[in-house]
Protein backbone atom coordinates (compact mmCIF):
# COMPACT_ATOMS: atom_id res chain seq x y z
CA MET A 1 -24.62 39.74 23.02
CA ASN A 2 -20.96 38.97 23.04
CA GLN A 3 -19.70 36.40 20.46
CA PRO A 4 -17.30 33.63 21.65
CA VAL A 5 -13.73 34.30 20.90
CA THR A 6 -12.10 31.53 18.93
CA SER A 7 -8.50 30.96 18.08
CA ALA A 8 -9.32 31.68 14.39
CA THR A 9 -10.80 35.01 15.41
CA LEU A 10 -7.73 35.91 17.49
CA LEU A 11 -5.49 35.03 14.52
CA ALA A 12 -7.51 37.28 12.22
CA GLU A 13 -7.42 40.17 14.82
CA ASN A 14 -3.70 39.81 15.45
CA ARG A 15 -2.98 40.01 11.73
CA ALA A 16 -5.15 43.11 11.25
CA ASN A 17 -4.00 44.97 14.37
CA ASN A 18 -0.33 44.03 14.69
CA VAL A 19 1.18 44.82 11.33
CA GLY A 20 4.79 45.89 11.95
CA LYS A 21 4.55 45.12 15.58
CA GLY A 22 5.16 41.40 15.27
CA GLU A 23 2.22 39.03 15.11
CA THR A 24 1.03 37.25 18.29
CA LYS A 25 0.75 33.60 17.55
CA VAL A 26 -2.50 31.75 18.06
CA ASP A 27 -2.46 28.30 19.45
CA LEU A 28 -2.75 26.02 16.47
CA ARG A 29 -4.16 22.51 17.09
CA TYR A 30 -3.05 20.25 14.21
CA CYS A 31 -4.54 17.10 12.93
CA LEU A 32 -1.89 15.16 10.98
CA TYR A 33 -3.72 13.72 7.94
CA ALA A 34 -1.90 10.95 5.91
CA ARG A 35 -3.52 9.31 2.80
CA LYS A 36 -2.36 6.84 0.25
CA SER A 37 -4.36 4.98 -2.39
CA SER A 38 -3.21 2.08 -4.52
CA GLU A 39 -4.11 3.80 -7.82
CA ASP A 40 -1.42 4.44 -10.51
CA ASP A 41 -1.41 8.20 -10.13
CA GLU A 42 -0.31 7.78 -6.37
CA ARG A 43 2.12 4.90 -6.59
CA GLN A 44 5.06 7.23 -6.28
CA ALA A 45 3.72 8.92 -3.20
CA LEU A 46 5.16 8.04 0.22
CA SER A 47 3.49 5.38 2.12
CA VAL A 48 1.13 6.37 4.96
CA ASP A 49 3.68 5.41 7.65
CA SER A 50 6.41 7.35 5.85
CA GLN A 51 4.26 10.38 5.60
CA ILE A 52 3.42 10.27 9.26
CA HIS A 53 7.11 9.81 10.12
CA GLU A 54 8.20 12.76 8.05
CA MET A 55 5.55 15.05 9.33
CA GLN A 56 6.10 14.17 12.96
CA GLU A 57 9.86 15.00 12.59
CA MET A 58 8.98 18.40 11.16
CA ALA A 59 6.43 19.01 13.89
CA LYS A 60 9.03 18.15 16.49
CA ARG A 61 11.62 20.54 14.98
CA GLU A 62 9.04 23.43 14.86
CA GLY A 63 7.19 22.81 17.95
CA MET A 64 3.79 21.98 16.43
CA ASN A 65 0.95 20.68 18.57
CA ILE A 66 -0.38 17.51 16.85
CA VAL A 67 -3.63 16.75 18.65
CA GLU A 68 -4.55 13.67 16.53
CA ILE A 69 -3.25 11.56 13.68
CA ARG A 70 -5.65 10.22 11.04
CA ARG A 71 -4.73 7.98 8.09
CA GLU A 72 -6.80 6.86 5.03
CA SER A 73 -6.36 4.52 2.14
CA HIS A 74 -8.92 5.93 -0.34
CA SER A 75 -8.65 7.75 -3.67
CA ALA A 76 -9.20 11.45 -3.60
CA LYS A 77 -10.35 11.74 -7.26
CA THR A 78 -14.03 11.67 -6.28
CA SER A 79 -15.73 14.15 -3.92
CA GLY A 80 -17.16 12.77 -0.69
CA GLU A 81 -15.78 9.30 -0.93
CA ARG A 82 -13.19 9.44 1.93
CA PRO A 83 -14.71 8.71 5.38
CA GLU A 84 -11.71 10.02 7.43
CA PHE A 85 -11.47 13.17 5.34
CA ASN A 86 -15.16 13.85 5.73
CA ARG A 87 -14.90 13.33 9.47
CA LEU A 88 -11.86 15.64 9.62
CA MET A 89 -13.81 18.42 7.88
CA GLU A 90 -16.74 17.98 10.33
CA ASP A 91 -14.40 18.07 13.34
CA ILE A 92 -12.64 21.30 12.08
CA GLY A 93 -16.18 22.83 11.80
CA LYS A 94 -16.83 21.85 15.44
CA GLY A 95 -13.63 23.45 16.53
CA MET A 96 -11.76 20.31 17.51
CA PHE A 97 -8.89 21.24 15.20
CA ASN A 98 -7.89 24.61 13.52
CA ALA A 99 -4.96 23.37 11.45
CA VAL A 100 -3.95 20.48 9.23
CA LEU A 101 -0.54 18.96 8.79
CA THR A 102 -0.14 16.80 5.60
CA TRP A 103 2.55 15.78 3.19
CA ALA A 104 1.29 17.74 0.18
CA PRO A 105 -1.84 19.54 -0.96
CA ASP A 106 -2.90 16.65 -3.23
CA ARG A 107 -3.14 14.39 -0.02
CA LEU A 108 -6.04 16.49 0.94
CA SER A 109 -7.82 17.00 -2.41
CA ARG A 110 -7.62 15.99 -6.04
CA ASN A 111 -11.17 17.09 -6.91
CA ALA A 112 -13.14 20.35 -6.94
CA GLY A 113 -15.63 19.35 -4.33
CA ASP A 114 -13.18 18.66 -1.50
CA LEU A 115 -11.07 21.69 -2.44
CA GLY A 116 -14.11 23.85 -2.17
CA ILE A 117 -14.74 22.55 1.38
CA LEU A 118 -11.23 23.42 2.48
CA VAL A 119 -11.34 26.88 1.07
CA ASP A 120 -14.80 27.47 2.58
CA LEU A 121 -13.52 26.48 6.07
CA MET A 122 -10.64 28.96 5.56
CA ASP A 123 -13.14 31.69 4.59
CA LYS A 124 -15.04 31.04 7.83
CA THR A 125 -11.76 31.22 9.79
CA GLN A 126 -12.44 27.74 11.15
CA LEU A 127 -9.34 26.40 9.39
CA CYS A 128 -6.40 28.67 10.12
CA GLN A 129 -3.59 26.80 8.43
CA ILE A 130 -2.71 23.97 6.14
CA ARG A 131 0.98 22.95 6.52
CA THR A 132 2.82 20.69 4.15
CA HIS A 133 6.55 19.67 4.09
CA SER A 134 7.40 22.65 1.93
CA GLN A 135 4.50 25.09 2.03
CA THR A 136 2.11 26.88 4.37
CA PHE A 137 -1.39 27.88 3.42
CA THR A 138 -3.46 30.36 5.53
CA ASN A 139 -6.56 32.58 5.10
CA SER A 140 -4.38 34.99 3.09
CA PRO A 141 -5.98 35.65 -0.40
CA ASN A 142 -2.63 34.83 -2.11
CA GLU A 143 -2.07 31.67 -0.26
CA LYS A 144 -5.69 30.38 -0.74
CA PHE A 145 -5.31 31.24 -4.43
CA LEU A 146 -2.13 29.17 -4.58
CA LEU A 147 -3.82 26.30 -2.83
CA MET A 148 -6.65 26.35 -5.37
CA ILE A 149 -4.21 26.39 -8.25
CA LEU A 150 -2.36 23.31 -6.82
CA GLY A 151 -5.61 21.53 -6.16
CA SER A 152 -6.81 22.30 -9.70
CA GLN A 153 -3.54 21.09 -11.10
CA ALA A 154 -4.01 17.78 -9.27
CA LYS A 155 -7.57 17.42 -10.77
CA LEU A 156 -6.26 18.30 -14.26
CA GLU A 157 -3.72 15.49 -13.95
CA ASN A 158 -6.47 13.15 -12.94
CA ASP A 159 -8.65 14.17 -15.87
CA ASN A 160 -5.81 13.83 -18.37
CA ARG A 161 -4.76 10.59 -16.89
CA GLY A 162 -8.30 9.25 -17.31
CA ILE A 163 -8.27 10.26 -20.95
CA ASN A 164 -4.94 8.64 -21.52
CA VAL A 165 -6.05 5.40 -19.79
CA LYS A 166 -9.13 5.23 -22.02
CA ARG A 167 -7.02 5.85 -25.13
CA GLY A 168 -4.63 3.14 -24.12
CA LEU A 169 -7.41 0.61 -23.46
CA LYS A 170 -8.96 1.36 -26.88
CA ASN A 171 -5.62 0.82 -28.56
CA LYS A 172 -5.19 -2.43 -26.67
CA VAL A 173 -8.57 -3.98 -27.61
CA GLU A 174 -8.05 -2.93 -31.22
CA LEU A 175 -4.85 -4.95 -31.27
CA GLY A 176 -6.82 -7.91 -29.95
CA TRP A 177 -5.81 -7.93 -26.29
CA ARG A 178 -8.76 -7.81 -23.79
CA PRO A 179 -7.96 -5.70 -20.72
CA GLY A 180 -8.20 -7.18 -17.24
CA LEU A 181 -7.78 -10.65 -15.80
CA PRO A 182 -8.31 -13.35 -18.56
CA PRO A 183 -10.87 -16.13 -18.07
CA LEU A 184 -10.01 -19.48 -16.60
CA GLY A 185 -7.85 -21.41 -19.03
CA TYR A 186 -5.69 -18.47 -19.85
CA LEU A 187 -2.85 -16.52 -18.07
CA ASN A 188 -1.46 -12.98 -18.33
CA GLU A 189 2.14 -12.61 -19.53
CA LYS A 190 3.91 -10.22 -17.08
CA SER A 191 5.39 -7.23 -18.82
CA ILE A 192 7.66 -4.52 -17.51
CA ASN A 193 5.52 -1.92 -19.42
CA ARG A 194 2.18 -1.68 -17.89
CA GLY A 195 -0.63 -2.15 -20.27
CA GLN A 196 1.38 -4.34 -22.59
CA ASN A 197 0.63 -7.66 -20.97
CA ARG A 198 -0.09 -10.53 -23.40
CA ILE A 199 -2.55 -13.42 -22.88
CA PHE A 200 -1.47 -17.01 -23.34
CA VAL A 201 -3.01 -20.46 -22.88
CA ASP A 202 -2.80 -22.05 -19.43
CA GLU A 203 -1.54 -25.43 -20.39
CA GLU A 204 -2.60 -26.89 -16.97
CA ARG A 205 -6.31 -25.92 -17.13
CA ALA A 206 -7.01 -25.35 -20.89
CA PRO A 207 -7.48 -29.10 -21.67
CA THR A 208 -10.24 -29.32 -19.04
CA ILE A 209 -11.94 -26.21 -20.27
CA LYS A 210 -12.02 -27.72 -23.73
CA LYS A 211 -13.35 -30.99 -22.29
CA MET A 212 -16.14 -29.11 -20.62
CA PHE A 213 -17.39 -27.77 -23.95
CA GLU A 214 -17.08 -31.19 -25.64
CA LEU A 215 -19.02 -32.93 -22.91
CA VAL A 216 -21.87 -30.37 -23.27
CA GLY A 217 -21.69 -30.08 -27.06
CA HIS A 218 -21.24 -33.69 -28.08
CA GLN A 219 -22.47 -35.72 -25.15
CA LYS A 220 -25.23 -33.35 -24.02
CA MET A 221 -24.14 -33.16 -20.44
CA THR A 222 -26.03 -30.64 -18.31
CA GLY A 223 -24.40 -27.87 -16.51
CA ARG A 224 -25.09 -29.36 -13.14
CA ASN A 225 -23.65 -32.68 -14.11
CA LEU A 226 -20.65 -30.88 -15.48
CA PHE A 227 -20.27 -29.18 -12.10
CA THR A 228 -20.32 -32.52 -10.34
CA TYR A 229 -17.76 -33.93 -12.93
CA LEU A 230 -15.30 -31.03 -12.21
CA LYS A 231 -15.52 -31.75 -8.53
CA GLU A 232 -14.83 -35.48 -9.05
CA ILE A 233 -11.70 -34.80 -11.05
CA ASP A 234 -10.69 -32.05 -8.44
CA PHE A 235 -10.41 -29.31 -11.07
CA LYS A 236 -9.51 -26.00 -9.41
CA THR A 237 -9.16 -22.35 -10.40
CA ARG A 238 -5.87 -20.37 -10.33
CA THR A 239 -6.58 -19.47 -6.60
CA GLY A 240 -6.93 -23.18 -5.73
CA LYS A 241 -10.73 -23.16 -5.36
CA HIS A 242 -13.29 -25.49 -6.92
CA VAL A 243 -15.42 -23.94 -9.81
CA THR A 244 -18.88 -22.83 -8.70
CA LEU A 245 -22.00 -23.86 -10.56
CA SER A 246 -22.57 -20.27 -11.80
CA SER A 247 -19.00 -20.11 -12.96
CA VAL A 248 -19.60 -23.25 -15.06
CA TYR A 249 -22.29 -21.57 -16.94
CA LYS A 250 -20.21 -18.37 -17.31
CA ILE A 251 -17.45 -20.40 -18.87
CA LEU A 252 -19.76 -22.16 -21.31
CA LYS A 253 -21.26 -18.81 -22.43
CA ASN A 254 -17.98 -16.99 -22.83
CA SER A 255 -16.99 -16.38 -26.49
CA PHE A 256 -13.42 -15.51 -25.47
CA TYR A 257 -12.62 -19.24 -25.70
CA TYR A 258 -13.19 -19.36 -29.47
CA GLY A 259 -11.44 -16.04 -30.09
CA GLN A 260 -14.00 -13.16 -29.80
CA PHE A 261 -14.69 -10.80 -26.98
CA GLU A 262 -16.98 -7.78 -26.29
CA TYR A 263 -15.48 -4.70 -24.67
CA PRO A 264 -16.80 -3.04 -22.65
CA VAL A 265 -19.34 -5.77 -21.76
CA GLY A 266 -22.80 -4.85 -22.99
CA SER A 267 -21.49 -2.18 -25.44
CA GLY A 268 -22.06 -4.26 -28.52
CA LYS A 269 -18.49 -3.65 -29.63
CA TRP A 270 -16.81 -6.97 -30.62
CA TYR A 271 -13.20 -7.64 -31.27
CA LYS A 272 -11.13 -10.51 -32.73
CA GLY A 273 -8.74 -11.68 -30.03
CA ALA A 274 -5.02 -12.02 -30.70
CA HIS A 275 -4.92 -14.94 -28.19
CA ASP A 276 -4.97 -18.59 -29.22
CA PRO A 277 -8.49 -20.02 -29.10
CA ILE A 278 -9.20 -23.18 -26.99
CA ILE A 279 -12.27 -24.34 -28.92
CA THR A 280 -13.78 -23.78 -32.41
CA LYS A 281 -16.64 -21.45 -33.10
CA GLU A 282 -18.72 -24.54 -34.29
CA LEU A 283 -18.31 -26.26 -30.80
CA PHE A 284 -19.19 -23.03 -29.02
CA ASP A 285 -22.43 -22.83 -31.09
CA ARG A 286 -23.39 -26.41 -30.35
CA VAL A 287 -22.98 -25.65 -26.67
CA GLN A 288 -25.12 -22.59 -26.81
CA ASP A 289 -27.86 -24.70 -28.63
CA GLN A 290 -27.57 -27.28 -25.86
CA LEU A 291 -27.81 -24.63 -23.09
CA SER A 292 -30.94 -23.18 -24.63
CA LEU A 293 -32.91 -26.41 -24.26
CA PRO A 294 -35.79 -26.29 -21.69
CA TYR A 295 -34.27 -28.76 -19.26
CA GLU A 296 -31.22 -26.59 -18.74
CA ALA A 297 -33.44 -23.82 -17.56
CA THR A 298 -34.75 -26.06 -14.77
CA TYR A 299 -31.55 -27.72 -13.79
CA GLY A 300 -32.19 -26.95 -10.12
CA ILE A 301 -35.42 -28.83 -9.85
CA LYS A 302 -34.63 -32.14 -11.60
CA GLU A 303 -37.07 -34.94 -10.82
CA PHE A 304 -36.13 -38.55 -10.45
CA ASN A 305 -38.42 -41.66 -10.81
CA PHE A 306 -38.83 -42.70 -7.23
CA THR A 307 -38.11 -39.76 -5.01
CA ARG A 308 -40.65 -39.01 -2.26
CA MET A 309 -41.92 -42.68 -2.62
CA PHE A 310 -39.85 -44.44 0.11
CA LYS A 311 -38.65 -43.86 3.63
CA CYS A 312 -35.25 -44.62 5.37
CA GLY A 313 -35.62 -47.69 7.45
CA SER A 314 -32.95 -46.43 9.88
CA CYS A 315 -34.07 -42.89 10.74
CA GLY A 316 -37.46 -42.40 9.06
CA SER A 317 -36.31 -39.58 6.70
CA GLY A 318 -37.48 -39.39 3.12
CA ILE A 319 -35.38 -40.86 0.40
CA THR A 320 -33.89 -38.53 -2.13
CA ALA A 321 -31.77 -39.00 -5.23
CA GLU A 322 -28.76 -37.59 -6.99
CA GLU A 323 -27.02 -38.15 -10.32
CA LYS A 324 -23.31 -39.03 -10.39
CA VAL A 325 -21.13 -38.58 -13.43
CA LYS A 326 -18.06 -40.83 -13.73
CA ARG A 327 -15.39 -40.78 -16.42
CA ASN A 328 -13.64 -43.85 -17.73
CA LYS A 329 -9.84 -43.19 -17.27
CA GLY A 330 -9.06 -45.53 -20.19
CA ASN A 331 -11.17 -44.12 -22.97
CA GLY A 332 -12.56 -40.95 -21.45
CA ASN A 333 -16.22 -41.98 -21.85
CA VAL A 334 -18.64 -40.48 -19.35
CA HIS A 335 -21.26 -42.57 -17.57
CA ARG A 336 -24.18 -41.37 -15.41
CA TYR A 337 -25.57 -43.17 -12.43
CA ILE A 338 -28.58 -42.32 -10.28
CA TYR A 339 -28.32 -43.11 -6.52
CA TYR A 340 -31.03 -43.02 -3.94
CA ARG A 341 -30.02 -42.18 -0.41
CA CYS A 342 -31.37 -41.04 2.94
CA GLY A 343 -32.26 -37.36 2.91
CA LYS A 344 -31.49 -36.94 6.59
CA SER A 345 -34.50 -34.63 6.99
CA ASN A 346 -35.01 -35.49 10.60
CA GLY A 347 -31.71 -33.91 11.60
CA ARG A 348 -30.12 -37.19 12.64
CA ILE A 349 -26.84 -38.74 11.81
CA CYS A 350 -27.76 -41.66 9.39
CA SER A 351 -25.25 -44.29 8.19
CA GLU A 352 -27.39 -45.67 5.41
CA LYS A 353 -25.44 -46.08 2.21
CA PRO A 354 -26.65 -44.98 -1.26
CA MET A 355 -28.34 -47.43 -3.52
CA ARG A 356 -28.17 -47.50 -7.38
CA GLU A 357 -31.46 -46.96 -9.20
CA LYS A 358 -30.92 -50.21 -11.17
CA ASP A 359 -30.95 -52.06 -7.82
CA VAL A 360 -33.97 -50.22 -6.62
CA LEU A 361 -35.89 -51.15 -9.76
CA ASP A 362 -34.85 -54.83 -9.53
CA GLN A 363 -36.29 -54.99 -6.06
CA LEU A 364 -39.48 -53.12 -6.96
CA LEU A 365 -40.14 -55.69 -9.72
CA LYS A 366 -39.70 -58.48 -7.19
CA ILE A 367 -42.18 -56.71 -4.78
CA VAL A 368 -44.73 -56.34 -7.55
CA GLU A 369 -44.43 -60.04 -8.37
CA GLU A 370 -45.02 -61.04 -4.76
CA ILE A 371 -47.51 -58.58 -3.24
CA ASP A 372 -51.34 -58.90 -3.26
CA ILE A 373 -52.68 -57.75 -6.60
CA ASP A 374 -54.96 -55.26 -4.86
CA GLN A 375 -51.87 -53.40 -3.61
CA ILE A 376 -50.75 -52.53 -7.12
CA GLY A 377 -51.79 -48.96 -7.82
CA SER A 378 -54.20 -48.01 -10.64
CA LYS A 379 -55.64 -51.46 -10.95
CA LYS A 380 -58.71 -50.22 -12.65
CA ARG A 381 -56.70 -48.12 -15.11
CA ILE A 382 -54.48 -51.09 -15.94
CA GLU A 383 -57.50 -53.29 -16.66
CA GLU A 384 -58.92 -50.60 -18.93
CA GLU A 385 -55.57 -50.40 -20.81
CA LEU A 386 -55.56 -54.23 -21.21
CA THR A 387 -59.16 -54.17 -22.56
CA ARG A 388 -58.32 -51.29 -24.94
CA TYR A 389 -55.21 -53.15 -26.16
CA LYS A 390 -57.18 -56.35 -26.74
CA ALA A 391 -59.78 -54.48 -28.85
CA PHE A 392 -57.09 -52.72 -30.83
CA ALA A 393 -55.16 -55.98 -31.51
CA GLU A 394 -58.31 -57.87 -32.61
CA GLY A 395 -60.02 -55.06 -34.50
CA VAL A 396 -57.08 -53.40 -36.25
CA LEU A 397 -54.32 -55.89 -36.29
CA GLY A 398 -56.52 -58.85 -36.75
CA GLU A 399 -54.77 -60.70 -33.94
CA LYS A 400 -56.50 -62.97 -31.56
CA VAL A 401 -55.48 -62.06 -28.02
CA GLN A 402 -55.67 -65.10 -25.65
CA LYS A 403 -57.40 -64.36 -22.48
CA PRO A 404 -55.05 -65.04 -19.64
CA THR A 405 -55.77 -67.81 -17.19
CA HIS A 406 -55.47 -65.33 -14.34
CA LYS A 407 -56.31 -61.70 -14.93
CA GLU A 408 -53.81 -60.64 -12.26
CA VAL A 409 -50.92 -62.22 -14.18
CA SER A 410 -51.55 -59.59 -16.97
CA ILE A 411 -51.87 -56.88 -14.38
CA ARG A 412 -48.57 -57.82 -12.83
CA LYS A 413 -46.84 -57.94 -16.27
CA PHE A 414 -48.27 -54.59 -17.18
CA ALA A 415 -47.13 -53.07 -13.90
CA LYS A 416 -43.70 -54.40 -14.30
CA HIS A 417 -43.49 -53.15 -17.89
CA ILE A 418 -44.46 -49.61 -16.66
CA LEU A 419 -41.84 -49.76 -13.98
CA LYS A 420 -39.12 -50.54 -16.54
CA HIS A 421 -40.21 -48.57 -19.45
CA GLY A 422 -42.97 -46.10 -18.46
CA THR A 423 -42.66 -42.43 -17.80
CA ARG A 424 -41.93 -41.00 -14.33
CA ASP A 425 -45.62 -40.15 -13.72
CA GLU A 426 -46.65 -43.64 -14.85
CA LYS A 427 -44.30 -45.28 -12.44
CA ARG A 428 -45.49 -43.11 -9.60
CA GLU A 429 -49.09 -44.08 -10.43
CA ILE A 430 -48.26 -47.75 -10.39
CA LEU A 431 -46.73 -47.32 -6.85
CA GLU A 432 -49.43 -44.92 -5.60
CA HIS A 433 -50.90 -47.38 -3.04
CA LEU A 434 -47.44 -48.31 -1.81
CA GLN A 435 -46.16 -44.70 -1.31
CA ASN A 436 -44.44 -44.34 2.12
CA ALA A 437 -45.16 -48.03 2.80
CA ILE A 438 -41.74 -49.04 1.43
CA THR A 439 -38.56 -48.57 3.48
CA ILE A 440 -34.89 -48.92 2.46
CA GLN A 441 -32.47 -50.31 5.01
CA ASP A 442 -29.17 -51.94 4.30
CA ARG A 443 -29.94 -51.44 0.62
CA VAL A 444 -33.04 -53.72 0.89
CA LEU A 445 -36.60 -52.62 0.05
CA GLU A 446 -39.30 -53.79 2.41
CA ILE A 447 -43.05 -53.11 2.70
CA THR A 448 -43.85 -52.06 6.24
CA SER A 449 -47.59 -51.50 5.79
CA ALA A 450 -50.13 -51.76 3.14
């Protein structure tokens, strides 16, 4: 069976049979491949557009047939990481191209894996020629050998550069300068010599960073409240964005702010920073103790006293709550307020305004004073508590407890005491019979049904 004759086969036969007679040229179909990455080792290389322009000029002068132009912006240090290069190799194997035009050999390969693919395609006579601005590589043993030498040289440069970079980073951290972008509250000093940048305090943001640690360490503010506080004072990052909740916790747990850093992260190798600390080690430790408390671990599911107890009188949605943190501009003191508002769970647009918890409590006390005693939840438990207290007062304290004229007066007083001073669960129990029977509209609580 006759094998199909390819241009690569013709080229090989011409070179074997026409020595001294002048070789017959095979139709070479070039793919112009241009690559540029942003890494340090390629910053001096021509841009992709410049490479394409130069190679097109050469192709025009020498009458080369460029079938297609492909460009790529990926590093060639690692094998198999360049999508366009991988596609080019596949298309050469399919016979779409039989030659490659590129600026230099290291544009095609800087690693052993990709270099091996190129040489293998030449061995199979599927890749007839690699042409650069100054060299030509064919299936000739000497030219393939030279190609492999140049490719190996590029790989050697990469390997040596990697060693030098690691050595430079090690020297930098030992001098107390952490590599990379500094955390919020610090800035990098721009230096002409790469790798010699210094870190200095960001005078605009550092005071707020310090305030964050003080609010948590001294005033026991939670991470979520701190997140709300930062939004209210419109604190933003270097890129002009608000700090996220996860970033708040990263800042609070970053030892860099008191002068220590770990590099690489997770290595267990700690260094004393040469930068100026924003906080003290003592304040940092106080914050870590505060963050380790159980309630910090459940910041996302905070419960309020009267949530899921009322409904919005305007749209029928449930009433939810949120905590607001406000700072006194005069003395810097922080105050916390809890507001109840419509949860808008019905998907409607509701104009009901938030209501402070103090106002909610005042109106609940008024409702308890006016409603039928049977509507107060846990009536039986309240009576048992009153009886137990009477026995304790008379038997242990020796006090004579006067029996109230009306038993319901004592029940009302007990219920109001729980609403003001009891636990969240006790307050909910008191209002058990009134749950979902109270609505809030125009900041007024009303009983709609028993």
